[in-house]
């Protein structure tokens, strides 16, 4: 039996700030049409996981592992390449959606 198609595949994602490990070895995949929610306590690394996939980690924080979205690598690629994917291929709704989303726009 063949593997189902994966829209997003994340393997061994770790996020560090210097010697401090903030996220350790996160792996998951999402198939087309599938929805996945990240849940956890405050400070458990949900936002850092998403920010790392978007290439939006703060200075001094780095991500390692493998993340592939629709055939495009997300980790360790130049900012210029990620800019071309953001908004069109991948987006993020930040924790305060009322400040990030305009209800008058579709």
PDB file of N, CA and C in Angstrom:
ATOM      1  N   UNK A   1       0.839  -1.179   0.000  1.00  0.00           N
ATOM      2  CA  UNK A   1       0.000   0.000   0.000  1.00  0.00           C
ATOM      3  C   UNK A   1       0.888   1.248   0.000  1.00  0.00           C
ATOM      4  N   UNK A   2       0.546   2.258  -0.789  1.00  0.00           N
ATOM      5  CA  UNK A   2       1.396   3.450  -0.903  1.00  0.00           C
ATOM      6  C   UNK A   2       1.101   4.432   0.227  1.00  0.00           C
ATOM      7  N   UNK A   3       2.115   5.261   0.504  1.00  0.00           N
ATOM      8  CA  UNK A   3       1.979   6.311   1.514  1.00  0.00           C
ATOM      9  C   UNK A   3       0.988   7.363   1.032  1.00  0.00           C
ATOM     10  N   UNK A   4       0.114   7.874   1.924  1.00  0.00           N
ATOM     11  CA  UNK A   4      -0.768   8.947   1.503  1.00  0.00           C
ATOM     12  C   UNK A   4       0.043  10.211   1.202  1.00  0.00           C
ATOM     13  N   UNK A   5      -0.461  11.037   0.296  1.00  0.00           N
ATOM     14  CA  UNK A   5       0.206  12.286  -0.059  1.00  0.00           C
ATOM     15  C   UNK A   5       0.198  13.211   1.150  1.00  0.00           C
ATOM     16  N   UNK A   6       1.325  13.857   1.401  1.00  0.00           N
ATOM     17  CA  UNK A   6       1.437  14.785   2.520  1.00  0.00           C
ATOM     18  C   UNK A   6       1.581  16.195   1.976  1.00  0.00           C
ATOM     19  N   UNK A   7       0.739  17.094   2.447  1.00  0.00           N
ATOM     20  CA  UNK A   7       0.848  18.492   2.072  1.00  0.00           C
ATOM     21  C   UNK A   7       1.990  19.136   2.851  1.00  0.00           C
ATOM     22  N   UNK A   8       2.044  18.842   4.149  1.00  0.00           N
ATOM     23  CA  UNK A   8       3.108  19.338   5.020  1.00  0.00           C
ATOM     24  C   UNK A   8       3.678  18.167   5.793  1.00  0.00           C
ATOM     25  N   UNK A   9       4.995  18.074   5.807  1.00  0.00           N
ATOM     26  CA  UNK A   9       5.668  17.032   6.562  1.00  0.00           C
ATOM     27  C   UNK A   9       6.749  17.683   7.423  1.00  0.00           C
ATOM     28  N   UNK A  10       6.668  17.474   8.732  1.00  0.00           N
ATOM     29  CA  UNK A  10       7.641  18.016   9.675  1.00  0.00           C
ATOM     30  C   UNK A  10       8.263  16.838  10.415  1.00  0.00           C
ATOM     31  N   UNK A  11       9.588  16.771  10.396  1.00  0.00           N
ATOM     32  CA  UNK A  11      10.302  15.670  11.037  1.00  0.00           C
ATOM     33  C   UNK A  11      11.404  16.209  11.931  1.00  0.00           C
ATOM     34  N   UNK A  12      11.376  15.859  13.192  1.00  0.00           N
ATOM     35  CA  UNK A  12      12.453  16.189  14.124  1.00  0.00           C
ATOM     36  C   UNK A  12      12.699  17.677  14.298  1.00  0.00           C
ATOM     37  N   UNK A  13      11.651  18.481  14.276  1.00  0.00           N
ATOM     38  CA  UNK A  13      11.797  19.933  14.434  1.00  0.00           C
ATOM     39  C   UNK A  13      12.224  20.268  15.855  1.00  0.00           C
ATOM     40  N   UNK A  14      13.340  20.954  15.973  1.00  0.00           N
ATOM     41  CA  UNK A  14      13.820  21.437  17.269  1.00  0.00           C
ATOM     42  C   UNK A  14      14.102  22.923  17.129  1.00  0.00           C
ATOM     43  N   UNK A  15      13.824  23.677  18.187  1.00  0.00           N
ATOM     44  CA  UNK A  15      14.067  25.121  18.203  1.00  0.00           C
ATOM     45  C   UNK A  15      14.938  25.422  19.408  1.00  0.00           C
ATOM     46  N   UNK A  16      15.992  26.225  19.180  1.00  0.00           N
ATOM     47  CA  UNK A  16      16.954  26.541  20.236  1.00  0.00           C
ATOM     48  C   UNK A  16      17.221  28.038  20.277  1.00  0.00           C
ATOM     49  N   UNK A  17      17.496  28.494  21.480  1.00  0.00           N
ATOM     50  CA  UNK A  17      18.021  29.840  21.709  1.00  0.00           C
ATOM     51  C   UNK A  17      19.357  29.631  22.403  1.00  0.00           C
ATOM     52  N   UNK A  18      20.422  29.664  21.633  1.00  0.00           N
ATOM     53  CA  UNK A  18      21.737  29.341  22.180  1.00  0.00           C
ATOM     54  C   UNK A  18      21.763  27.890  22.628  1.00  0.00           C
ATOM     55  N   UNK A  19      22.107  27.660  23.885  1.00  0.00           N
ATOM     56  CA  UNK A  19      22.155  26.303  24.441  1.00  0.00           C
ATOM     57  C   UNK A  19      20.792  25.824  24.952  1.00  0.00           C
ATOM     58  N   UNK A  20      19.836  26.719  25.048  1.00  0.00           N
ATOM     59  CA  UNK A  20      18.520  26.396  25.603  1.00  0.00           C
ATOM     60  C   UNK A  20      17.618  25.782  24.540  1.00  0.00           C
ATOM     61  N   UNK A  21      17.172  24.562  24.775  1.00  0.00           N
ATOM     62  CA  UNK A  21      16.271  23.885  23.851  1.00  0.00           C
ATOM     63  C   UNK A  21      14.843  24.281  24.191  1.00  0.00           C
ATOM     64  N   UNK A  22      14.159  24.909  23.232  1.00  0.00           N
ATOM     65  CA  UNK A  22      12.806  25.419  23.451  1.00  0.00           C
ATOM     66  C   UNK A  22      11.736  24.459  22.941  1.00  0.00           C
ATOM     67  N   UNK A  23      12.021  23.784  21.845  1.00  0.00           N
ATOM     68  CA  UNK A  23      11.127  22.780  21.254  1.00  0.00           C
ATOM     69  C   UNK A  23      12.000  21.595  20.897  1.00  0.00           C
ATOM     70  N   UNK A  24      11.548  20.387  21.249  1.00  0.00           N
ATOM     71  CA  UNK A  24      12.391  19.205  21.032  1.00  0.00           C
ATOM     72  C   UNK A  24      11.693  18.174  20.142  1.00  0.00           C
ATOM     73  N   UNK A  25      12.299  17.906  18.973  1.00  0.00           N
ATOM     74  CA  UNK A  25      11.955  16.771  18.112  1.00  0.00           C
ATOM     75  C   UNK A  25      10.451  16.629  17.816  1.00  0.00           C
ATOM     76  N   UNK A  26       9.826  17.681  17.317  1.00  0.00           N
ATOM     77  CA  UNK A  26       8.404  17.636  16.950  1.00  0.00           C
ATOM     78  C   UNK A  26       8.287  17.069  15.538  1.00  0.00           C
ATOM     79  N   UNK A  27       7.393  16.108  15.363  1.00  0.00           N
ATOM     80  CA  UNK A  27       7.146  15.523  14.043  1.00  0.00           C
ATOM     81  C   UNK A  27       5.644  15.376  13.836  1.00  0.00           C
ATOM     82  N   UNK A  28       5.179  15.744  12.655  1.00  0.00           N
ATOM     83  CA  UNK A  28       3.786  15.547  12.274  1.00  0.00           C
ATOM     84  C   UNK A  28       3.668  15.728  10.771  1.00  0.00           C
ATOM     85  N   UNK A  29       2.562  15.281  10.214  1.00  0.00           N
ATOM     86  CA  UNK A  29       2.303  15.514   8.794  1.00  0.00           C
ATOM     87  C   UNK A  29       0.826  15.840   8.628  1.00  0.00           C
ATOM     88  N   UNK A  30       0.547  16.566   7.563  1.00  0.00           N
ATOM     89  CA  UNK A  30      -0.826  16.959   7.251  1.00  0.00           C
ATOM     90  C   UNK A  30      -1.079  16.601   5.795  1.00  0.00           C
ATOM     91  N   UNK A  31      -2.138  15.856   5.551  1.00  0.00           N
ATOM     92  CA  UNK A  31      -2.528  15.479   4.198  1.00  0.00           C
ATOM     93  C   UNK A  31      -3.494  16.529   3.643  1.00  0.00           C
ATOM     94  N   UNK A  32      -3.633  16.616   2.329  1.00  0.00           N
ATOM     95  CA  UNK A  32      -4.589  17.564   1.748  1.00  0.00           C
ATOM     96  C   UNK A  32      -5.992  17.341   2.325  1.00  0.00           C
ATOM     97  N   UNK A  33      -6.642  18.428   2.704  1.00  0.00           N
ATOM     98  CA  UNK A  33      -7.985  18.360   3.266  1.00  0.00           C
ATOM     99  C   UNK A  33      -8.026  18.057   4.750  1.00  0.00           C
ATOM    100  N   UNK A  34      -6.909  17.708   5.316  1.00  0.00           N
ATOM    101  CA  UNK A  34      -6.833  17.377   6.738  1.00  0.00           C
ATOM    102  C   UNK A  34      -6.541  18.639   7.542  1.00  0.00           C
ATOM    103  N   UNK A  35      -7.052  18.693   8.753  1.00  0.00           N
ATOM    104  CA  UNK A  35      -6.784  19.803   9.663  1.00  0.00           C
ATOM    105  C   UNK A  35      -6.141  19.255  10.920  1.00  0.00           C
ATOM    106  N   UNK A  36      -5.149  19.981  11.406  1.00  0.00           N
ATOM    107  CA  UNK A  36      -4.423  19.552  12.597  1.00  0.00           C
ATOM    108  C   UNK A  36      -4.340  20.737  13.539  1.00  0.00           C
ATOM    109  N   UNK A  37      -4.583  20.494  14.811  1.00  0.00           N
ATOM    110  CA  UNK A  37      -4.444  21.543  15.813  1.00  0.00           C
ATOM    111  C   UNK A  37      -3.305  21.219  16.760  1.00  0.00           C
ATOM    112  N   UNK A  38      -2.524  22.229  17.092  1.00  0.00           N
ATOM    113  CA  UNK A  38      -1.473  22.076  18.101  1.00  0.00           C
ATOM    114  C   UNK A  38      -2.046  22.556  19.427  1.00  0.00           C
ATOM    115  N   UNK A  39      -2.033  21.703  20.413  1.00  0.00           N
ATOM    116  CA  UNK A  39      -2.539  22.096  21.723  1.00  0.00           C
ATOM    117  C   UNK A  39      -1.464  21.850  22.764  1.00  0.00           C
ATOM    118  N   UNK A  40      -1.508  22.614  23.819  1.00  0.00           N
ATOM    119  CA  UNK A  40      -0.541  22.448  24.888  1.00  0.00           C
ATOM    120  C   UNK A  40      -0.618  23.613  25.850  1.00  0.00           C
ATOM    121  N   UNK A  41       0.057  23.466  26.943  1.00  0.00           N
ATOM    122  CA  UNK A  41       0.074  24.515  27.956  1.00  0.00           C
ATOM    123  C   UNK A  41       0.750  25.765  27.419  1.00  0.00           C
ATOM    124  N   UNK A  42       0.482  26.865  28.066  1.00  0.00           N
ATOM    125  CA  UNK A  42       1.160  28.113  27.738  1.00  0.00           C
ATOM    126  C   UNK A  42       2.662  27.907  27.905  1.00  0.00           C
ATOM    127  N   UNK A  43       3.430  28.320  26.899  1.00  0.00           N
ATOM    128  CA  UNK A  43       4.880  28.172  26.963  1.00  0.00           C
ATOM    129  C   UNK A  43       5.397  26.827  26.493  1.00  0.00           C
ATOM    130  N   UNK A  44       4.523  25.976  25.943  1.00  0.00           N
ATOM    131  CA  UNK A  44       4.964  24.640  25.538  1.00  0.00           C
ATOM    132  C   UNK A  44       5.606  24.601  24.151  1.00  0.00           C
ATOM    133  N   UNK A  45       5.550  25.709  23.393  1.00  0.00           N
ATOM    134  CA  UNK A  45       6.227  25.762  22.104  1.00  0.00           C
ATOM    135  C   UNK A  45       5.333  25.750  20.887  1.00  0.00           C
ATOM    136  N   UNK A  46       4.026  25.914  21.070  1.00  0.00           N
ATOM    137  CA  UNK A  46       3.106  25.910  19.923  1.00  0.00           C
ATOM    138  C   UNK A  46       3.433  27.040  18.952  1.00  0.00           C
ATOM    139  N   UNK A  47       3.552  28.240  19.468  1.00  0.00           N
ATOM    140  CA  UNK A  47       3.838  29.398  18.604  1.00  0.00           C
ATOM    141  C   UNK A  47       5.226  29.302  17.996  1.00  0.00           C
ATOM    142  N   UNK A  48       6.207  28.855  18.750  1.00  0.00           N
ATOM    143  CA  UNK A  48       7.561  28.704  18.208  1.00  0.00           C
ATOM    144  C   UNK A  48       7.588  27.674  17.083  1.00  0.00           C
ATOM    145  N   UNK A  49       6.802  26.627  17.218  1.00  0.00           N
ATOM    146  CA  UNK A  49       6.713  25.627  16.157  1.00  0.00           C
ATOM    147  C   UNK A  49       6.187  26.270  14.884  1.00  0.00           C
ATOM    148  N   UNK A  50       5.083  27.007  14.990  1.00  0.00           N
ATOM    149  CA  UNK A  50       4.504  27.665  13.816  1.00  0.00           C
ATOM    150  C   UNK A  50       5.435  28.734  13.261  1.00  0.00           C
ATOM    151  N   UNK A  51       6.019  29.550  14.123  1.00  0.00           N
ATOM    152  CA  UNK A  51       6.928  30.604  13.670  1.00  0.00           C
ATOM    153  C   UNK A  51       8.143  30.036  12.945  1.00  0.00           C
ATOM    154  N   UNK A  52       8.635  28.890  13.417  1.00  0.00           N
ATOM    155  CA  UNK A  52       9.790  28.284  12.764  1.00  0.00           C
ATOM    156  C   UNK A  52       9.435  27.823  11.351  1.00  0.00           C
ATOM    157  N   UNK A  53       8.229  27.292  11.165  1.00  0.00           N
ATOM    158  CA  UNK A  53       7.814  26.840   9.839  1.00  0.00           C
ATOM    159  C   UNK A  53       7.600  28.008   8.887  1.00  0.00           C
ATOM    160  N   UNK A  54       7.248  29.154   9.428  1.00  0.00           N
ATOM    161  CA  UNK A  54       7.048  30.360   8.615  1.00  0.00           C
ATOM    162  C   UNK A  54       8.348  31.127   8.385  1.00  0.00           C
ATOM    163  N   UNK A  55       9.423  30.737   9.082  1.00  0.00           N
ATOM    164  CA  UNK A  55      10.685  31.455   8.970  1.00  0.00           C
ATOM    165  C   UNK A  55      10.652  32.789   9.684  1.00  0.00           C
ATOM    166  N   UNK A  56       9.891  32.868  10.767  1.00  0.00           N
ATOM    167  CA  UNK A  56       9.695  34.126  11.490  1.00  0.00           C
ATOM    168  C   UNK A  56      10.229  34.091  12.916  1.00  0.00           C
ATOM    169  N   UNK A  57      11.198  33.249  13.179  1.00  0.00           N
ATOM    170  CA  UNK A  57      11.771  33.181  14.520  1.00  0.00           C
ATOM    171  C   UNK A  57      12.554  34.462  14.817  1.00  0.00           C
ATOM    172  N   UNK A  58      12.541  34.895  16.075  1.00  0.00           N
ATOM    173  CA  UNK A  58      13.318  36.084  16.435  1.00  0.00           C
ATOM    174  C   UNK A  58      14.821  35.831  16.292  1.00  0.00           C
ATOM    175  N   UNK A  59      15.576  36.908  16.201  1.00  0.00           N
ATOM    176  CA  UNK A  59      17.029  36.800  16.090  1.00  0.00           C
ATOM    177  C   UNK A  59      17.594  36.048  17.295  1.00  0.00           C
ATOM    178  N   UNK A  60      18.550  35.185  17.046  1.00  0.00           N
ATOM    179  CA  UNK A  60      19.161  34.408  18.114  1.00  0.00           C
ATOM    180  C   UNK A  60      18.457  33.093  18.396  1.00  0.00           C
ATOM    181  N   UNK A  61      17.337  32.845  17.712  1.00  0.00           N
ATOM    182  CA  UNK A  61      16.589  31.594  17.869  1.00  0.00           C
ATOM    183  C   UNK A  61      16.679  30.858  16.540  1.00  0.00           C
ATOM    184  N   UNK A  62      17.005  29.563  16.583  1.00  0.00           N
ATOM    185  CA  UNK A  62      17.184  28.799  15.343  1.00  0.00           C
ATOM    186  C   UNK A  62      16.394  27.498  15.386  1.00  0.00           C
ATOM    187  N   UNK A  63      16.058  27.020  14.201  1.00  0.00           N
ATOM    188  CA  UNK A  63      15.311  25.769  14.063  1.00  0.00           C
ATOM    189  C   UNK A  63      16.146  24.770  13.275  1.00  0.00           C
ATOM    190  N   UNK A  64      15.993  23.502  13.621  1.00  0.00           N
ATOM    191  CA  UNK A  64      16.640  22.427  12.877  1.00  0.00           C
ATOM    192  C   UNK A  64      15.626  21.316  12.669  1.00  0.00           C
ATOM    193  N   UNK A  65      15.947  20.414  11.790  1.00  0.00           N
ATOM    194  CA  UNK A  65      15.027  19.337  11.432  1.00  0.00           C
ATOM    195  C   UNK A  65      14.653  19.489   9.970  1.00  0.00           C
ATOM    196  N   UNK A  66      13.553  18.871   9.596  1.00  0.00           N
ATOM    197  CA  UNK A  66      13.089  18.918   8.213  1.00  0.00           C
ATOM    198  C   UNK A  66      11.629  19.324   8.188  1.00  0.00           C
ATOM    199  N   UNK A  67      11.303  20.262   7.304  1.00  0.00           N
ATOM    200  CA  UNK A  67       9.909  20.655   7.081  1.00  0.00           C
ATOM    201  C   UNK A  67       9.737  20.899   5.594  1.00  0.00           C
ATOM    202  N   UNK A  68       8.777  20.197   4.986  1.00  0.00           N
ATOM    203  CA  UNK A  68       8.527  20.312   3.552  1.00  0.00           C
ATOM    204  C   UNK A  68       7.045  20.592   3.355  1.00  0.00           C
ATOM    205  N   UNK A  69       6.749  21.658   2.621  1.00  0.00           N
ATOM    206  CA  UNK A  69       5.382  22.066   2.322  1.00  0.00           C
ATOM    207  C   UNK A  69       5.191  22.039   0.817  1.00  0.00           C
ATOM    208  N   UNK A  70       4.377  21.112   0.345  1.00  0.00           N
ATOM    209  CA  UNK A  70       4.108  21.029  -1.088  1.00  0.00           C
ATOM    210  C   UNK A  70       5.366  20.950  -1.935  1.00  0.00           C
ATOM    211  N   UNK A  71       6.373  20.238  -1.464  1.00  0.00           N
ATOM    212  CA  UNK A  71       7.612  20.087  -2.200  1.00  0.00           C
ATOM    213  C   UNK A  71       8.640  21.179  -1.930  1.00  0.00           C
ATOM    214  N   UNK A  72       8.277  22.190  -1.136  1.00  0.00           N
ATOM    215  CA  UNK A  72       9.192  23.286  -0.807  1.00  0.00           C
ATOM    216  C   UNK A  72       9.761  23.089   0.596  1.00  0.00           C
ATOM    217  N   UNK A  73      11.089  23.083   0.703  1.00  0.00           N
ATOM    218  CA  UNK A  73      11.717  23.029   2.029  1.00  0.00           C
ATOM    219  C   UNK A  73      11.464  24.351   2.741  1.00  0.00           C
ATOM    220  N   UNK A  74      11.219  24.284   4.056  1.00  0.00           N
ATOM    221  CA  UNK A  74      10.938  25.484   4.834  1.00  0.00           C
ATOM    222  C   UNK A  74      12.063  25.867   5.778  1.00  0.00           C
ATOM    223  N   UNK A  75      12.857  24.915   6.214  1.00  0.00           N
ATOM    224  CA  UNK A  75      13.920  25.202   7.182  1.00  0.00           C
ATOM    225  C   UNK A  75      15.265  25.313   6.487  1.00  0.00           C
ATOM    226  N   UNK A  76      16.033  26.317   6.888  1.00  0.00           N
ATOM    227  CA  UNK A  76      17.379  26.472   6.359  1.00  0.00           C
ATOM    228  C   UNK A  76      17.440  26.999   4.942  1.00  0.00           C
ATOM    229  N   UNK A  77      16.370  27.649   4.469  1.00  0.00           N
ATOM    230  CA  UNK A  77      16.384  28.228   3.128  1.00  0.00           C
ATOM    231  C   UNK A  77      16.461  29.750   3.247  1.00  0.00           C
ATOM    232  N   UNK A  78      16.917  30.422   2.198  1.00  0.00           N
ATOM    233  CA  UNK A  78      17.049  31.879   2.258  1.00  0.00           C
ATOM    234  C   UNK A  78      15.703  32.582   2.467  1.00  0.00           C
ATOM    235  N   UNK A  79      15.767  33.720   3.143  1.00  0.00           N
ATOM    236  CA  UNK A  79      14.581  34.529   3.419  1.00  0.00           C
ATOM    237  C   UNK A  79      13.817  34.862   2.140  1.00  0.00           C
ATOM    238  N   UNK A  80      14.518  35.148   1.077  1.00  0.00           N
ATOM    239  CA  UNK A  80      13.876  35.510  -0.191  1.00  0.00           C
ATOM    240  C   UNK A  80      12.939  34.397  -0.668  1.00  0.00           C
ATOM    241  N   UNK A  81      13.372  33.175  -0.500  1.00  0.00           N
ATOM    242  CA  UNK A  81      12.536  32.038  -0.920  1.00  0.00           C
ATOM    243  C   UNK A  81      11.290  31.912  -0.044  1.00  0.00           C
ATOM    244  N   UNK A  82      11.457  32.111   1.271  1.00  0.00           N
ATOM    245  CA  UNK A  82      10.313  32.027   2.170  1.00  0.00           C
ATOM    246  C   UNK A  82       9.302  33.141   1.909  1.00  0.00           C
ATOM    247  N   UNK A  83       9.787  34.337   1.574  1.00  0.00           N
ATOM    248  CA  UNK A  83       8.881  35.453   1.271  1.00  0.00           C
ATOM    249  C   UNK A  83       7.945  35.103   0.126  1.00  0.00           C
ATOM    250  N   UNK A  84       8.449  34.340  -0.840  1.00  0.00           N
ATOM    251  CA  UNK A  84       7.628  33.936  -1.972  1.00  0.00           C
ATOM    252  C   UNK A  84       6.548  32.933  -1.605  1.00  0.00           C
ATOM    253  N   UNK A  85       6.725  32.236  -0.502  1.00  0.00           N
ATOM    254  CA  UNK A  85       5.742  31.237  -0.062  1.00  0.00           C
ATOM    255  C   UNK A  85       4.707  31.826   0.898  1.00  0.00           C
ATOM    256  N   UNK A  86       5.126  32.807   1.687  1.00  0.00           N
ATOM    257  CA  UNK A  86       4.237  33.375   2.698  1.00  0.00           C
ATOM    258  C   UNK A  86       3.078  34.121   2.046  1.00  0.00           C
ATOM    259  N   UNK A  87       1.889  33.873   2.601  1.00  0.00           N
ATOM    260  CA  UNK A  87       0.699  34.558   2.105  1.00  0.00           C
ATOM    261  C   UNK A  87       0.034  33.796   0.977  1.00  0.00           C
ATOM    262  N   UNK A  88       0.814  33.320   0.021  1.00  0.00           N
ATOM    263  CA  UNK A  88       0.246  32.615  -1.121  1.00  0.00           C
ATOM    264  C   UNK A  88       0.148  31.111  -0.851  1.00  0.00           C
ATOM    265  N   UNK A  89       1.209  30.520  -0.292  1.00  0.00           N
ATOM    266  CA  UNK A  89       1.245  29.075  -0.077  1.00  0.00           C
ATOM    267  C   UNK A  89       0.997  28.709   1.383  1.00  0.00           C
ATOM    268  N   UNK A  90       1.514  29.517   2.294  1.00  0.00           N
ATOM    269  CA  UNK A  90       1.368  29.244   3.723  1.00  0.00           C
ATOM    270  C   UNK A  90       1.100  30.560   4.452  1.00  0.00           C
ATOM    271  N   UNK A  91       0.220  30.494   5.434  1.00  0.00           N
ATOM    272  CA  UNK A  91      -0.127  31.679   6.226  1.00  0.00           C
ATOM    273  C   UNK A  91      -0.273  31.283   7.678  1.00  0.00           C
ATOM    274  N   UNK A  92      -0.289  32.284   8.512  1.00  0.00           N
ATOM    275  CA  UNK A  92      -0.432  32.050   9.950  1.00  0.00           C
ATOM    276  C   UNK A  92      -1.367  33.106  10.521  1.00  0.00           C
ATOM    277  N   UNK A  93      -2.303  32.665  11.352  1.00  0.00           N
ATOM    278  CA  UNK A  93      -3.144  33.593  12.104  1.00  0.00           C
ATOM    279  C   UNK A  93      -2.550  33.657  13.501  1.00  0.00           C
ATOM    280  N   UNK A  94      -2.087  34.843  13.890  1.00  0.00           N
ATOM    281  CA  UNK A  94      -1.424  34.990  15.175  1.00  0.00           C
ATOM    282  C   UNK A  94      -2.422  34.884  16.318  1.00  0.00           C
ATOM    283  N   UNK A  95      -1.938  34.845  17.544  1.00  0.00           N
ATOM    284  CA  UNK A  95      -2.769  34.541  18.707  1.00  0.00           C
ATOM    285  C   UNK A  95      -3.885  35.539  18.948  1.00  0.00           C
ATOM    286  N   UNK A  96      -3.758  36.739  18.491  1.00  0.00           N
ATOM    287  CA  UNK A  96      -4.814  37.739  18.653  1.00  0.00           C
ATOM    288  C   UNK A  96      -5.458  38.001  17.297  1.00  0.00           C
ATOM    289  N   UNK A  97      -6.368  37.127  16.844  1.00  0.00           N
ATOM    290  CA  UNK A  97      -6.916  37.260  15.494  1.00  0.00           C
ATOM    291  C   UNK A  97      -7.678  38.569  15.272  1.00  0.00           C
ATOM    292  N   UNK A  98      -8.235  39.167  16.310  1.00  0.00           N
ATOM    293  CA  UNK A  98      -8.981  40.410  16.113  1.00  0.00           C
ATOM    294  C   UNK A  98      -8.062  41.567  15.733  1.00  0.00           C
ATOM    295  N   UNK A  99      -6.796  41.485  16.074  1.00  0.00           N
ATOM    296  CA  UNK A  99      -5.865  42.542  15.659  1.00  0.00           C
ATOM    297  C   UNK A  99      -5.207  42.203  14.334  1.00  0.00           C
ATOM    298  N   UNK A 100      -5.267  40.944  13.919  1.00  0.00           N
ATOM    299  CA  UNK A 100      -4.601  40.514  12.693  1.00  0.00           C
ATOM    300  C   UNK A 100      -5.554  40.402  11.500  1.00  0.00           C
ATOM    301  N   UNK A 101      -6.830  40.211  11.751  1.00  0.00           N
ATOM    302  CA  UNK A 101      -7.787  39.978  10.676  1.00  0.00           C
ATOM    303  C   UNK A 101      -8.766  41.155  10.584  1.00  0.00           C
ATOM    304  N   UNK A 102      -9.096  41.527   9.366  1.00  0.00           N
ATOM    305  CA  UNK A 102     -10.088  42.567   9.122  1.00  0.00           C
ATOM    306  C   UNK A 102     -11.388  41.873   8.717  1.00  0.00           C
ATOM    307  N   UNK A 103     -12.452  41.975   9.528  1.00  0.00           N
ATOM    308  CA  UNK A 103     -13.698  41.257   9.215  1.00  0.00           C
ATOM    309  C   UNK A 103     -14.390  41.770   7.955  1.00  0.00           C
ATOM    310  N   UNK A 104     -13.968  42.916   7.437  1.00  0.00           N
ATOM    311  CA  UNK A 104     -14.573  43.457   6.227  1.00  0.00           C
ATOM    312  C   UNK A 104     -13.923  42.930   4.954  1.00  0.00           C
ATOM    313  N   UNK A 105     -12.800  42.207   5.100  1.00  0.00           N
ATOM    314  CA  UNK A 105     -12.110  41.646   3.941  1.00  0.00           C
ATOM    315  C   UNK A 105     -12.356  40.155   3.852  1.00  0.00           C
ATOM    316  N   UNK A 106     -12.509  39.666   2.629  1.00  0.00           N
ATOM    317  CA  UNK A 106     -12.698  38.230   2.431  1.00  0.00           C
ATOM    318  C   UNK A 106     -11.373  37.513   2.527  1.00  0.00           C
TER     319      UNK A 106
END
